[in-house]
Amino acid sequence: MAAAAGVRSYVVWKIEQKQAEWLDKRDTEYQRLIRLPLLALADALRYKLMAEARGYHFPLRGIGRIKKPSNRVAQGGAHFKDWISYIVTRPSENRFEKNPLLFFGLIAQ
């Protein structure tokens, strides 16, 4: 419970930042509180669900990304998202197919 409170307070703290280099100075804390726990979640999900979720994609690239794209920053606001998420999907065979997905998110509100 204390770990979840630490993550939430970190996310709330970072969304108020208006400076893009803020994250660079706090990379160790970001890795410890955000990225590494999400990677552990992804590994645990892949291990536990591989047999039942055949064909699902468990992405690791971009996991825990909290910087907003530059076009979103240009529209105003902070340089960072106010949420983090991890989504497990099964690729669709055509553009009309809607496959179920697993969504894990933390919203700082």
C-alpha atoms as a PDB file:
ATOM      1  CA  MET A   1       0.000   0.000   0.000  1.00  0.00           C
ATOM      2  CA  ALA A   2       2.843   2.389   0.822  1.00  0.00           C
ATOM      3  CA  ALA A   3       4.479   1.642  -2.543  1.00  0.00           C
ATOM      4  CA  ALA A   4       1.260   2.531  -4.394  1.00  0.00           C
ATOM      5  CA  ALA A   5       1.025   5.792  -2.454  1.00  0.00           C
ATOM      6  CA  GLY A   6       4.637   6.591  -3.397  1.00  0.00           C
ATOM      7  CA  VAL A   7       3.944   5.968  -7.079  1.00  0.00           C
ATOM      8  CA  ARG A   8       0.775   8.072  -6.962  1.00  0.00           C
ATOM      9  CA  SER A   9       2.511  10.986  -5.243  1.00  0.00           C
ATOM     10  CA  TYR A  10       5.345  10.809  -7.798  1.00  0.00           C
ATOM     11  CA  VAL A  11       2.865  10.889 -10.689  1.00  0.00           C
ATOM     12  CA  VAL A  12       0.953  13.816  -9.155  1.00  0.00           C
ATOM     13  CA  TRP A  13       4.241  15.647  -8.526  1.00  0.00           C
ATOM     14  CA  LYS A  14       5.543  15.184 -12.047  1.00  0.00           C
ATOM     15  CA  ILE A  15       2.397  16.319 -13.891  1.00  0.00           C
ATOM     16  CA  GLU A  16       2.752  19.770 -12.381  1.00  0.00           C
ATOM     17  CA  GLN A  17       6.178  20.197 -13.972  1.00  0.00           C
ATOM     18  CA  LYS A  18       6.469  22.592 -16.913  1.00  0.00           C
ATOM     19  CA  GLN A  19      10.151  21.892 -17.675  1.00  0.00           C
ATOM     20  CA  ALA A  20      11.052  19.119 -20.119  1.00  0.00           C
ATOM     21  CA  GLU A  21      14.417  18.397 -18.432  1.00  0.00           C
ATOM     22  CA  TRP A  22      12.712  17.659 -15.093  1.00  0.00           C
ATOM     23  CA  LEU A  23      12.611  13.930 -15.874  1.00  0.00           C
ATOM     24  CA  ASP A  24      16.272  13.784 -16.875  1.00  0.00           C
ATOM     25  CA  LYS A  25      17.280  14.936 -13.382  1.00  0.00           C
ATOM     26  CA  ARG A  26      15.052  12.331 -11.716  1.00  0.00           C
ATOM     27  CA  ASP A  27      15.668   9.317 -13.928  1.00  0.00           C
ATOM     28  CA  THR A  28      16.681   7.025 -11.041  1.00  0.00           C
ATOM     29  CA  GLU A  29      13.453   7.755  -9.186  1.00  0.00           C
ATOM     30  CA  TYR A  30      11.409   7.343 -12.389  1.00  0.00           C
ATOM     31  CA  GLN A  31      13.029   3.964 -13.102  1.00  0.00           C
ATOM     32  CA  ARG A  32      12.412   2.759  -9.526  1.00  0.00           C
ATOM     33  CA  LEU A  33       8.816   3.968  -9.136  1.00  0.00           C
ATOM     34  CA  ILE A  34       7.370   3.759 -12.641  1.00  0.00           C
ATOM     35  CA  ARG A  35       9.320   1.837 -15.277  1.00  0.00           C
ATOM     36  CA  LEU A  36      10.669  -1.147 -13.319  1.00  0.00           C
ATOM     37  CA  PRO A  37       7.305  -1.988 -11.660  1.00  0.00           C
ATOM     38  CA  LEU A  38       5.588  -1.831 -15.061  1.00  0.00           C
ATOM     39  CA  LEU A  39       8.233  -4.128 -16.552  1.00  0.00           C
ATOM     40  CA  ALA A  40       7.696  -6.555 -13.654  1.00  0.00           C
ATOM     41  CA  LEU A  41       3.927  -6.434 -14.275  1.00  0.00           C
ATOM     42  CA  ALA A  42       4.457  -7.128 -17.970  1.00  0.00           C
ATOM     43  CA  ASP A  43       6.746 -10.092 -17.248  1.00  0.00           C
ATOM     44  CA  ALA A  44       4.336 -11.535 -14.671  1.00  0.00           C
ATOM     45  CA  LEU A  45       1.379 -11.179 -17.036  1.00  0.00           C
ATOM     46  CA  ARG A  46       3.232 -12.773 -19.915  1.00  0.00           C
ATOM     47  CA  TYR A  47       4.301 -15.698 -17.729  1.00  0.00           C
ATOM     48  CA  LYS A  48       0.865 -16.271 -16.152  1.00  0.00           C
ATOM     49  CA  LEU A  49      -1.311 -15.656 -19.221  1.00  0.00           C
ATOM     50  CA  MET A  50       0.757 -17.108 -22.051  1.00  0.00           C
ATOM     51  CA  ALA A  51      -1.192 -20.387 -22.140  1.00  0.00           C
ATOM     52  CA  GLU A  52      -4.664 -18.770 -22.024  1.00  0.00           C
ATOM     53  CA  ALA A  53      -3.880 -15.672 -24.081  1.00  0.00           C
ATOM     54  CA  ARG A  54      -2.358 -17.236 -27.177  1.00  0.00           C
ATOM     55  CA  GLY A  55      -1.722 -14.663 -29.864  1.00  0.00           C
ATOM     56  CA  TYR A  56      -1.773 -11.699 -27.504  1.00  0.00           C
ATOM     57  CA  HIS A  57       0.994  -9.130 -27.715  1.00  0.00           C
ATOM     58  CA  PHE A  58       2.773  -8.209 -24.452  1.00  0.00           C
ATOM     59  CA  PRO A  59       4.727  -5.099 -25.489  1.00  0.00           C
ATOM     60  CA  LEU A  60       7.806  -3.846 -23.672  1.00  0.00           C
ATOM     61  CA  ARG A  61       8.825  -1.073 -26.034  1.00  0.00           C
ATOM     62  CA  GLY A  62       7.692   2.297 -24.734  1.00  0.00           C
ATOM     63  CA  ILE A  63       6.426   0.888 -21.446  1.00  0.00           C
ATOM     64  CA  GLY A  64       6.165   3.565 -18.788  1.00  0.00           C
ATOM     65  CA  ARG A  65       6.565   6.424 -21.243  1.00  0.00           C
ATOM     66  CA  ILE A  66       5.337   9.559 -19.476  1.00  0.00           C
ATOM     67  CA  LYS A  67       6.560  12.391 -21.706  1.00  0.00           C
ATOM     68  CA  LYS A  68       3.890  13.912 -23.921  1.00  0.00           C
ATOM     69  CA  PRO A  69       4.540  14.210 -27.651  1.00  0.00           C
ATOM     70  CA  SER A  70       5.865  17.640 -28.670  1.00  0.00           C
ATOM     71  CA  ASN A  71       2.696  18.516 -30.589  1.00  0.00           C
ATOM     72  CA  ARG A  72       0.647  18.022 -27.381  1.00  0.00           C
ATOM     73  CA  VAL A  73       3.065  20.184 -25.397  1.00  0.00           C
ATOM     74  CA  ALA A  74       2.784  22.898 -28.057  1.00  0.00           C
ATOM     75  CA  GLN A  75      -0.989  22.983 -27.424  1.00  0.00           C
ATOM     76  CA  GLY A  76      -0.262  24.022 -23.844  1.00  0.00           C
ATOM     77  CA  GLY A  77       0.108  22.349 -20.499  1.00  0.00           C
ATOM     78  CA  ALA A  78       2.734  20.202 -18.881  1.00  0.00           C
ATOM     79  CA  HIS A  79       5.361  18.109 -20.635  1.00  0.00           C
ATOM     80  CA  PHE A  80       4.184  14.929 -18.901  1.00  0.00           C
ATOM     81  CA  LYS A  81       1.075  12.741 -18.894  1.00  0.00           C
ATOM     82  CA  ASP A  82      -1.095  12.521 -15.799  1.00  0.00           C
ATOM     83  CA  TRP A  83      -1.496   8.769 -16.250  1.00  0.00           C
ATOM     84  CA  ILE A  84       0.526   5.647 -16.960  1.00  0.00           C
ATOM     85  CA  SER A  85      -0.768   2.463 -18.515  1.00  0.00           C
ATOM     86  CA  TYR A  86       0.030  -0.955 -19.906  1.00  0.00           C
ATOM     87  CA  ILE A  87      -2.138  -2.557 -22.592  1.00  0.00           C
ATOM     88  CA  VAL A  88      -2.035  -6.194 -23.714  1.00  0.00           C
ATOM     89  CA  THR A  89      -3.731  -6.766 -27.069  1.00  0.00           C
ATOM     90  CA  ARG A  90      -4.343  -9.397 -29.697  1.00  0.00           C
ATOM     91  CA  PRO A  91      -3.572  -8.001 -33.162  1.00  0.00           C
ATOM     92  CA  SER A  92      -6.632  -7.763 -35.387  1.00  0.00           C
ATOM     93  CA  GLU A  93      -6.705  -9.521 -38.720  1.00  0.00           C
ATOM     94  CA  ASN A  94      -8.527  -6.629 -40.393  1.00  0.00           C
ATOM     95  CA  ARG A  95      -9.414  -3.054 -39.542  1.00  0.00           C
ATOM     96  CA  PHE A  96     -13.038  -3.882 -38.662  1.00  0.00           C
ATOM     97  CA  GLU A  97     -12.212  -6.542 -36.087  1.00  0.00           C
ATOM     98  CA  LYS A  98     -12.350  -5.432 -32.460  1.00  0.00           C
ATOM     99  CA  ASN A  99     -10.357  -7.729 -30.195  1.00  0.00           C
ATOM    100  CA  PRO A 100     -10.526  -7.817 -26.414  1.00  0.00           C
ATOM    101  CA  LEU A 101      -7.647  -6.283 -24.522  1.00  0.00           C
ATOM    102  CA  LEU A 102      -6.278  -6.026 -20.996  1.00  0.00           C
ATOM    103  CA  PHE A 103      -5.746  -2.492 -19.696  1.00  0.00           C
ATOM    104  CA  PHE A 104      -3.848  -1.563 -16.534  1.00  0.00           C
ATOM    105  CA  GLY A 105      -3.722   2.108 -15.661  1.00  0.00           C
ATOM    106  CA  LEU A 106      -2.922   4.565 -12.927  1.00  0.00           C
ATOM    107  CA  ILE A 107      -4.490   8.010 -13.109  1.00  0.00           C
ATOM    108  CA  ALA A 108      -3.188  10.800 -10.895  1.00  0.00           C
ATOM    109  CA  GLN A 109      -6.418  12.417  -9.701  1.00  0.00           C
END
